[in-house]
Every structure is written in C-alpha cells, then in structure tokens.
Amino acid sequence: MSGSGLSPREMWENMKKNSDGLVPAITVDYENGEVLMMAYMNEEAFRLTCETGYMHYYSRSRDTLWKKGETSGHFQKVISASIDCDRDTLLYKIDQTGAACHTGNRSCFYTLLNDWDPARDKEE
C-alpha cells in the first residue's frame, strides 16, 4: 500500500493523533464515492491494514482491535489510501462486501438530520 518507501511505522509516526493516540479513518466506496463509515485506528490497526489490504480498526468502546467483517463477513478490501493535508485523518477507498454499518445499512450515514429522532437511537 505504500509507494513512498515509508514503512507503516514511519507513516504512523508522522501522523497527528488525537488525545487518545488514534487517527480517524473514513471509508468510501471506490466505485461511487459513497461515504460508508468512519472509525478510529491505532498503530496496530493501521499496520495490519497496510499489511493485509483489509480494513482494521480500534474499537474505543470495547478497547480492542477488530478486523471489519471478521464476524459479519462484510469485509472491506482496500483499493487506495490517502491522508489529509493536516496529516490527521485517513481516507480509504474500499471494495465493500455487504453492509458497512453494524445496523445492516449499506452506510452508517443513513439518517438525515431533519429526520433524526434521538429517542429512537436507544432502540437500535
């Protein structure tokens, strides 16, 4: 995944992390640009993503590393990866198998703000 000659470790060392030492990773469908999800990566998740070509994330709520699709079968194969101008956010173009969202929706961004009812969030 790296054509720059930098190792995943060198890339990670030069990224700006949040106060928890994590970097946000946005995934979009490589064919149509649809935003599918946003999650966080720690160094291990970033390294494994670079090495395997499949998305890995760090779950803040579970305090653990996870490979997308490991339990659901809804894998995310990396097509390309970019970093933003501030070097603090990653953008992955991916080939999504099945749904990206844990709710079963194709994208995590299925709720329009004008339709949002926070009371229904507790039901999901």
Protein backbone atom coordinates (compact mmCIF):
# COMPACT_ATOMS: atom_id res chain seq x y z
CA MET A 1 0.00 0.00 0.00
CA SER A 2 2.99 2.30 0.38
CA GLY A 3 4.68 3.53 -2.77
CA SER A 4 6.57 6.26 -0.91
CA GLY A 5 9.18 3.93 0.51
CA LEU A 6 7.98 4.66 4.04
CA SER A 7 7.15 1.75 6.30
CA PRO A 8 3.77 1.68 8.06
CA ARG A 9 5.62 2.53 11.28
CA GLU A 10 7.27 5.59 9.69
CA MET A 11 3.95 6.75 8.25
CA TRP A 12 2.24 6.29 11.63
CA GLU A 13 4.98 8.18 13.47
CA ASN A 14 4.44 11.19 11.19
CA MET A 15 0.64 11.33 11.56
CA LYS A 16 -1.05 13.66 14.02
CA LYS A 17 -3.09 11.65 16.53
CA ASN A 18 -5.94 12.73 18.77
CA SER A 19 -5.54 12.87 22.56
CA ASP A 20 -6.10 9.08 22.73
CA GLY A 21 -3.34 8.38 20.20
CA LEU A 22 -5.85 7.48 17.46
CA VAL A 23 -6.42 8.63 13.89
CA PRO A 24 -9.89 8.82 12.28
CA ALA A 25 -10.32 6.69 9.16
CA ILE A 26 -13.10 7.42 6.67
CA THR A 27 -14.08 4.72 4.20
CA VAL A 28 -15.78 5.40 0.89
CA ASP A 29 -16.97 3.07 -1.87
CA TYR A 30 -14.26 3.07 -4.54
CA GLU A 31 -16.81 2.86 -7.37
CA ASN A 32 -19.25 5.65 -6.49
CA GLY A 33 -17.62 7.65 -3.67
CA GLU A 34 -20.40 6.93 -1.17
CA VAL A 35 -19.21 7.55 2.40
CA LEU A 36 -19.67 4.26 4.22
CA MET A 37 -18.29 4.74 7.71
CA MET A 38 -15.81 6.45 9.99
CA ALA A 39 -13.90 4.68 12.72
CA TYR A 40 -10.59 5.06 14.52
CA MET A 41 -7.26 3.36 14.01
CA ASN A 42 -4.44 2.81 16.43
CA GLU A 43 -0.95 1.92 15.23
CA GLU A 44 -1.67 -1.82 15.15
CA ALA A 45 -4.88 -1.38 13.15
CA PHE A 46 -3.03 0.85 10.68
CA ARG A 47 -0.16 -1.61 10.33
CA LEU A 48 -2.47 -4.58 9.81
CA THR A 49 -4.48 -2.66 7.23
CA CYS A 50 -1.26 -1.85 5.36
CA GLU A 51 -0.01 -5.45 5.58
CA THR A 52 -3.23 -7.32 4.75
CA GLY A 53 -5.06 -4.92 2.43
CA TYR A 54 -8.22 -5.26 4.57
CA MET A 55 -9.55 -2.64 6.98
CA HIS A 56 -8.76 -2.99 10.66
CA TYR A 57 -9.95 -0.57 13.33
CA TYR A 58 -9.62 0.15 17.01
CA SER A 59 -12.86 0.00 18.98
CA ARG A 60 -12.88 2.69 21.65
CA SER A 61 -15.97 1.25 23.36
CA ARG A 62 -14.59 -2.30 23.52
CA ASP A 63 -10.94 -1.21 23.86
CA THR A 64 -9.86 -3.75 21.25
CA LEU A 65 -8.62 -4.17 17.72
CA TRP A 66 -11.09 -5.50 15.13
CA LYS A 67 -10.98 -6.54 11.51
CA LYS A 68 -14.05 -5.29 9.64
CA GLY A 69 -16.08 -8.31 8.55
CA GLU A 70 -14.43 -10.77 10.92
CA THR A 71 -17.76 -11.76 12.45
CA SER A 72 -20.25 -10.41 9.88
CA GLY A 73 -18.47 -11.41 6.66
CA HIS A 74 -18.81 -7.78 5.49
CA PHE A 75 -15.14 -7.22 4.67
CA GLN A 76 -13.57 -4.02 3.37
CA LYS A 77 -10.80 -4.54 0.80
CA VAL A 78 -8.53 -1.52 0.43
CA ILE A 79 -8.27 -0.10 -3.09
CA SER A 80 -6.37 3.08 -2.17
CA ALA A 81 -5.44 5.14 0.88
CA SER A 82 -4.85 8.88 1.33
CA ILE A 83 -4.01 11.21 4.18
CA ASP A 84 -5.41 14.74 4.51
CA CYS A 85 -3.41 17.97 4.38
CA ASP A 86 -3.23 18.22 8.18
CA ARG A 87 -1.95 14.63 8.38
CA ASP A 88 -4.58 13.76 10.99
CA THR A 89 -7.28 11.88 9.03
CA LEU A 90 -7.10 8.90 6.69
CA LEU A 91 -9.35 8.27 3.69
CA TYR A 92 -9.70 4.75 2.32
CA LYS A 93 -11.38 3.85 -0.95
CA ILE A 94 -12.60 0.33 -0.41
CA ASP A 95 -14.45 -2.53 -2.04
CA GLN A 96 -17.25 -3.24 0.45
CA THR A 97 -18.70 -6.73 0.81
CA GLY A 98 -22.24 -6.45 2.20
CA ALA A 99 -23.22 -3.70 4.64
CA ALA A 100 -20.69 -1.31 6.17
CA CYS A 101 -22.90 -0.40 9.14
CA HIS A 102 -23.48 -2.67 12.14
CA THR A 103 -27.22 -1.93 11.72
CA GLY A 104 -27.23 -3.71 8.37
CA ASN A 105 -27.39 -0.50 6.33
CA ARG A 106 -25.01 -0.04 3.41
CA SER A 107 -23.64 3.17 5.01
CA CYS A 108 -23.50 4.36 8.60
CA PHE A 109 -24.75 7.73 7.34
CA TYR A 110 -28.36 6.74 6.63
CA THR A 111 -30.08 9.22 8.98
CA LEU A 112 -30.91 12.68 7.66
CA LEU A 113 -30.64 15.27 10.43
CA ASN A 114 -34.17 16.55 9.64
CA ASP A 115 -35.49 13.02 10.24
CA TRP A 116 -33.41 12.27 13.32
CA ASP A 117 -35.25 11.23 16.48
CA PRO A 118 -32.75 10.69 19.33
CA ALA A 119 -35.38 8.68 21.24
CA ARG A 120 -35.21 6.01 18.52
CA ASP A 121 -31.43 5.70 18.91
CA LYS A 122 -31.92 3.73 22.12
CA GLU A 123 -33.89 1.11 20.14
CA GLU A 124 -31.02 0.36 17.68
